[in-house]
Structures are given as C-alpha cells and as structure tokens.
C-alpha cells in the first residue's frame, strides 16, 4: 500500500477497516492524534494500517503483540490514547 505520511486523505481512508472495534480504536486516533506524532511514528502508523485486520484486532485488544518493535510502539500509543479518551469516544 505505500502511503505517503502527508497524504492524509489516503491515510484516513485506510483507517476504515469495516470492523467496529478497529474503527473505534483507529479512526479517533487518526483524527485526534496523528497530526501530533513525529514523522517516525506517522510512518509506523501507516505501516500498521497495512497489516491484516485479524492481527490489528488482536494487537489492539491486547490478545497478543506484534513481533515488530516499531509496530508494537505505535500500538501502545494507540492503546494509551484510546484509554485516555474512554471506550465510547469517537
């Protein structure tokens, strides 16, 4: 998929996963937090969006961890921000 970290419309489109649990975690993170990430974390986020929905679900719901340390770092950031916003925030 190779999306440029500055092409926000393509990144936003890639955030839409079709699985409610993923949409609740990923879309608000993109809308509220993406602009404040370092370029390196933006690259990690875009790489994360290239992953399979099943893996994303497991990683974001604490049912496992990515073997990729870079991806695991952005997963932890997403989880932390999601927890701070609350489960129903969108």
N, C-alpha and C. Protein backbone atom coordinates (compact mmCIF):
# COMPACT_ATOMS: atom_id res chain seq x y z
N UNK A 1 0.83 -1.19 0.00
CA UNK A 1 0.00 0.00 0.00
C UNK A 1 0.88 1.25 0.00
N UNK A 2 1.94 1.39 0.55
CA UNK A 2 2.88 2.52 0.49
C UNK A 2 2.22 3.90 0.37
N UNK A 3 1.66 4.36 1.47
CA UNK A 3 1.00 5.67 1.53
C UNK A 3 1.98 6.70 2.09
N UNK A 4 2.02 7.85 1.47
CA UNK A 4 2.83 8.96 1.95
C UNK A 4 2.24 9.47 3.27
N UNK A 5 3.09 9.73 4.26
CA UNK A 5 2.59 10.16 5.57
C UNK A 5 1.93 11.53 5.52
N UNK A 6 2.09 12.26 4.43
CA UNK A 6 1.48 13.58 4.30
C UNK A 6 0.19 13.55 3.48
N UNK A 7 -0.19 12.39 2.98
CA UNK A 7 -1.43 12.24 2.22
C UNK A 7 -2.54 11.81 3.18
N UNK A 8 -3.06 12.78 3.91
CA UNK A 8 -4.00 12.47 4.99
C UNK A 8 -5.30 11.86 4.49
N UNK A 9 -5.75 12.21 3.31
CA UNK A 9 -7.00 11.63 2.82
C UNK A 9 -6.84 10.12 2.55
N UNK A 10 -5.70 9.71 2.03
CA UNK A 10 -5.47 8.27 1.81
C UNK A 10 -5.29 7.53 3.13
N UNK A 11 -4.63 8.17 4.09
CA UNK A 11 -4.45 7.54 5.39
C UNK A 11 -5.81 7.39 6.07
N UNK A 12 -6.62 8.43 6.02
CA UNK A 12 -7.95 8.37 6.63
C UNK A 12 -8.77 7.25 6.00
N UNK A 13 -8.69 7.11 4.69
CA UNK A 13 -9.42 6.05 4.01
C UNK A 13 -8.93 4.67 4.48
N UNK A 14 -7.61 4.53 4.65
CA UNK A 14 -7.04 3.26 5.09
C UNK A 14 -7.40 2.93 6.54
N UNK A 15 -7.79 3.94 7.32
CA UNK A 15 -8.20 3.71 8.71
C UNK A 15 -9.53 2.98 8.79
N UNK A 16 -10.34 3.09 7.79
CA UNK A 16 -11.67 2.45 7.78
C UNK A 16 -11.50 0.96 7.53
N UNK A 17 -11.74 0.18 8.56
CA UNK A 17 -11.45 -1.24 8.49
C UNK A 17 -12.68 -2.10 8.26
N UNK A 18 -13.86 -1.61 8.60
CA UNK A 18 -15.06 -2.42 8.44
C UNK A 18 -15.36 -3.30 9.65
N UNK A 19 -14.48 -3.26 10.63
CA UNK A 19 -14.71 -3.97 11.89
C UNK A 19 -14.88 -2.89 12.96
N UNK A 20 -16.04 -2.87 13.58
CA UNK A 20 -16.38 -1.79 14.51
C UNK A 20 -15.31 -1.55 15.56
N UNK A 21 -14.80 -2.61 16.16
CA UNK A 21 -13.80 -2.48 17.22
C UNK A 21 -12.53 -1.78 16.70
N UNK A 22 -12.14 -2.11 15.50
CA UNK A 22 -10.96 -1.46 14.92
C UNK A 22 -11.25 -0.01 14.57
N UNK A 23 -12.42 0.24 14.00
CA UNK A 23 -12.78 1.61 13.66
C UNK A 23 -12.81 2.50 14.90
N UNK A 24 -13.31 1.96 16.01
CA UNK A 24 -13.40 2.72 17.25
C UNK A 24 -12.01 3.05 17.80
N UNK A 25 -11.04 2.20 17.56
CA UNK A 25 -9.68 2.45 18.05
C UNK A 25 -8.86 3.29 17.08
N UNK A 26 -8.98 3.01 15.80
CA UNK A 26 -8.07 3.61 14.82
C UNK A 26 -8.52 4.98 14.33
N UNK A 27 -9.79 5.13 13.98
CA UNK A 27 -10.24 6.39 13.40
C UNK A 27 -10.11 7.57 14.37
N UNK A 28 -10.57 7.45 15.62
CA UNK A 28 -10.37 8.59 16.54
C UNK A 28 -8.89 8.91 16.77
N UNK A 29 -8.05 7.89 16.81
CA UNK A 29 -6.62 8.13 16.96
C UNK A 29 -6.11 8.97 15.79
N UNK A 30 -6.50 8.58 14.59
CA UNK A 30 -6.07 9.35 13.42
C UNK A 30 -6.59 10.78 13.49
N UNK A 31 -7.87 10.94 13.81
CA UNK A 31 -8.49 12.26 13.79
C UNK A 31 -7.96 13.18 14.88
N UNK A 32 -7.60 12.63 16.04
CA UNK A 32 -7.21 13.46 17.18
C UNK A 32 -5.70 13.51 17.45
N UNK A 33 -4.98 12.48 17.05
CA UNK A 33 -3.59 12.35 17.48
C UNK A 33 -2.56 12.31 16.36
N UNK A 34 -2.96 11.93 15.17
CA UNK A 34 -1.99 11.74 14.08
C UNK A 34 -1.14 12.97 13.83
N UNK A 35 -1.75 14.14 13.78
CA UNK A 35 -1.01 15.36 13.46
C UNK A 35 0.08 15.68 14.47
N UNK A 36 -0.04 15.15 15.67
CA UNK A 36 0.93 15.45 16.74
C UNK A 36 2.05 14.41 16.84
N UNK A 37 2.00 13.39 16.01
CA UNK A 37 3.03 12.35 16.01
C UNK A 37 4.29 12.85 15.32
N UNK A 38 5.41 12.28 15.70
CA UNK A 38 6.65 12.53 14.96
C UNK A 38 6.51 11.87 13.58
N UNK A 39 7.33 12.27 12.64
CA UNK A 39 7.30 11.64 11.32
C UNK A 39 7.55 10.14 11.43
N UNK A 40 8.43 9.73 12.32
CA UNK A 40 8.73 8.30 12.52
C UNK A 40 7.49 7.56 13.00
N UNK A 41 6.75 8.14 13.96
CA UNK A 41 5.53 7.49 14.43
C UNK A 41 4.43 7.52 13.37
N UNK A 42 4.39 8.56 12.55
CA UNK A 42 3.44 8.58 11.43
C UNK A 42 3.74 7.44 10.47
N UNK A 43 5.02 7.21 10.20
CA UNK A 43 5.41 6.09 9.34
C UNK A 43 5.01 4.76 9.96
N UNK A 44 5.19 4.64 11.26
CA UNK A 44 4.78 3.41 11.96
C UNK A 44 3.28 3.20 11.84
N UNK A 45 2.52 4.28 12.01
CA UNK A 45 1.06 4.18 11.92
C UNK A 45 0.63 3.73 10.53
N UNK A 46 1.22 4.32 9.51
CA UNK A 46 0.89 3.94 8.13
C UNK A 46 1.26 2.47 7.88
N UNK A 47 2.40 2.04 8.39
CA UNK A 47 2.79 0.62 8.27
C UNK A 47 1.79 -0.27 8.99
N UNK A 48 1.31 0.18 10.13
CA UNK A 48 0.33 -0.60 10.88
C UNK A 48 -0.94 -0.79 10.06
N UNK A 49 -1.35 0.23 9.34
CA UNK A 49 -2.57 0.15 8.53
C UNK A 49 -2.45 -0.87 7.40
N UNK A 50 -1.23 -1.25 7.07
CA UNK A 50 -1.02 -2.25 6.03
C UNK A 50 -1.19 -3.68 6.55
N UNK A 51 -1.36 -3.83 7.84
CA UNK A 51 -1.48 -5.15 8.45
C UNK A 51 -2.90 -5.70 8.30
N UNK A 52 -3.00 -6.98 8.45
CA UNK A 52 -4.26 -7.71 8.38
C UNK A 52 -5.18 -7.31 9.54
N UNK A 53 -6.48 -7.21 9.27
CA UNK A 53 -7.43 -6.83 10.31
C UNK A 53 -7.40 -7.78 11.51
N UNK A 54 -7.24 -9.05 11.27
CA UNK A 54 -7.20 -10.03 12.37
C UNK A 54 -6.02 -9.72 13.30
N UNK A 55 -4.86 -9.45 12.72
CA UNK A 55 -3.69 -9.09 13.54
C UNK A 55 -3.93 -7.78 14.28
N UNK A 56 -4.43 -6.77 13.57
CA UNK A 56 -4.71 -5.48 14.21
C UNK A 56 -5.66 -5.66 15.39
N UNK A 57 -6.71 -6.41 15.19
CA UNK A 57 -7.68 -6.63 16.27
C UNK A 57 -6.99 -7.26 17.48
N UNK A 58 -6.23 -8.31 17.25
CA UNK A 58 -5.55 -8.98 18.36
C UNK A 58 -4.57 -8.06 19.07
N UNK A 59 -3.80 -7.33 18.31
CA UNK A 59 -2.80 -6.44 18.93
C UNK A 59 -3.46 -5.31 19.70
N UNK A 60 -4.46 -4.67 19.11
CA UNK A 60 -5.09 -3.51 19.76
C UNK A 60 -5.96 -3.90 20.95
N UNK A 61 -6.45 -5.14 20.96
CA UNK A 61 -7.29 -5.61 22.06
C UNK A 61 -6.50 -6.42 23.08
N UNK A 62 -5.17 -6.31 23.03
CA UNK A 62 -4.26 -6.98 23.96
C UNK A 62 -4.37 -8.50 23.93
N UNK A 63 -4.61 -9.06 22.75
CA UNK A 63 -4.64 -10.51 22.59
C UNK A 63 -3.36 -11.00 21.92
N UNK A 64 -2.29 -10.30 22.13
CA UNK A 64 -1.01 -10.63 21.53
C UNK A 64 -0.25 -9.36 21.22
N UNK A 65 0.98 -9.53 20.77
CA UNK A 65 1.83 -8.39 20.42
C UNK A 65 2.46 -8.63 19.06
N UNK A 66 2.71 -7.54 18.37
CA UNK A 66 3.43 -7.63 17.11
C UNK A 66 4.88 -7.99 17.39
N UNK A 67 5.44 -8.83 16.56
CA UNK A 67 6.86 -9.16 16.69
C UNK A 67 7.74 -8.00 16.23
N UNK A 68 7.15 -7.07 15.50
CA UNK A 68 7.87 -5.90 15.00
C UNK A 68 7.84 -4.81 16.09
N UNK A 69 9.00 -4.47 16.62
CA UNK A 69 9.09 -3.50 17.72
C UNK A 69 8.54 -2.13 17.33
N UNK A 70 8.75 -1.70 16.08
CA UNK A 70 8.22 -0.41 15.62
C UNK A 70 6.70 -0.42 15.64
N UNK A 71 6.11 -1.50 15.14
CA UNK A 71 4.65 -1.58 15.15
C UNK A 71 4.12 -1.65 16.57
N UNK A 72 4.80 -2.40 17.42
CA UNK A 72 4.35 -2.52 18.81
C UNK A 72 4.38 -1.16 19.50
N UNK A 73 5.34 -0.33 19.16
CA UNK A 73 5.42 1.00 19.76
C UNK A 73 4.20 1.84 19.40
N UNK A 74 3.78 1.85 18.13
CA UNK A 74 2.62 2.65 17.74
C UNK A 74 1.34 2.02 18.30
N UNK A 75 1.30 0.70 18.42
CA UNK A 75 0.13 0.04 19.03
C UNK A 75 -0.04 0.52 20.47
N UNK A 76 1.05 0.59 21.21
CA UNK A 76 0.97 1.05 22.61
C UNK A 76 0.50 2.50 22.68
N UNK A 77 0.95 3.33 21.75
CA UNK A 77 0.50 4.73 21.72
C UNK A 77 -1.01 4.79 21.44
N UNK A 78 -1.47 4.02 20.48
CA UNK A 78 -2.91 4.00 20.15
C UNK A 78 -3.71 3.53 21.36
N UNK A 79 -3.27 2.46 22.00
CA UNK A 79 -3.98 1.94 23.17
C UNK A 79 -4.03 2.98 24.29
N UNK A 80 -2.92 3.65 24.53
CA UNK A 80 -2.85 4.65 25.58
C UNK A 80 -3.83 5.81 25.29
N UNK A 81 -3.83 6.31 24.06
CA UNK A 81 -4.71 7.42 23.70
C UNK A 81 -6.18 6.98 23.72
N UNK A 82 -6.45 5.77 23.28
CA UNK A 82 -7.83 5.25 23.30
C UNK A 82 -8.33 5.14 24.74
N UNK A 83 -7.48 4.66 25.62
CA UNK A 83 -7.85 4.53 27.03
C UNK A 83 -8.10 5.91 27.65
N UNK A 84 -7.27 6.89 27.30
CA UNK A 84 -7.43 8.25 27.85
C UNK A 84 -8.73 8.90 27.37
N UNK A 85 -9.14 8.60 26.14
CA UNK A 85 -10.40 9.16 25.60
C UNK A 85 -11.63 8.46 26.16
N UNK A 86 -11.49 7.21 26.54
CA UNK A 86 -12.62 6.44 27.03
C UNK A 86 -13.16 5.54 25.94
N UNK A 87 -13.84 4.48 26.33
CA UNK A 87 -14.27 3.47 25.36
C UNK A 87 -15.32 3.94 24.36
N UNK A 88 -16.08 4.94 24.68
CA UNK A 88 -17.15 5.37 23.77
C UNK A 88 -16.81 6.64 23.00
N UNK A 89 -15.61 7.14 23.19
CA UNK A 89 -15.22 8.38 22.49
C UNK A 89 -15.00 8.10 21.02
N UNK A 90 -15.50 8.99 20.19
CA UNK A 90 -15.26 8.89 18.75
C UNK A 90 -15.11 10.22 18.15
